[in-house]
Amino acid sequence: MAHLHTKPNEHDLTASAYILLEDRGELKMWFHLHRKLNKWLQFGGHVEHIENPWTAILHEIEEEAGYLSSQLKLLQPKKFIGDLDGAIIHPADVCINTHHFPGLEHYHTDIAYAFVAEQRPSTRPQKGESQELKLLSRQQIVELEPDQIPSSTRQIALYIFDEIHKSWVPTRLSVFKIK
């Protein structure tokens, strides 16, 4: 989806997915080569006016990565609040950050989630999305040159490898039924 806000200092809400997969006995993370920025990024995109961050990231994963929600589990803290009267609980995020969007004088406030997959995506990315996907190990992420990956993307990915993956538990996506 296009940017909702394009005037200086405006903010767009985005959601992103860092997807881990064990590949040949080594834990790796999926990235795609962003078509406009020409950098390796996690999957994700804008939260549309009719969506919340959770529904947005689920459709972005399918469009950009080819994963169906049934193929993924979400990494969540071992204990999280399950119910609130009169409210819907959203999944815990790994990080919420606001960053300047290159080329435009506005910002993205991004909600990042961590997922695990047990298999490769069942389909290819949709037409119009980057077809260049890559599984990268922790070390390969570290070795990417600064012009190949945004610094914040690298930092969040390494945090997921070093902290989140070790301490959070894979949770079925159906636990979170958000309208």
Foldseek 3Di string as FASTA:
>chain_A
DDAPDFDAAAEFEKEFEWEWEQDPNAIWTKWFQFPPLRATFTFMDTADPVGDHVVRHQVRCCQAFQAHLQQKFWWAAPDDDQDDPPDFDDGQFLDWDWDQDPPTNYIYTYTYTYMYGHDGHPDAHHPPYGRGMDIGGLVRLVPDDCSHHPPVRNVSNVCCVPPRVVGTDTHRPVSGDDD
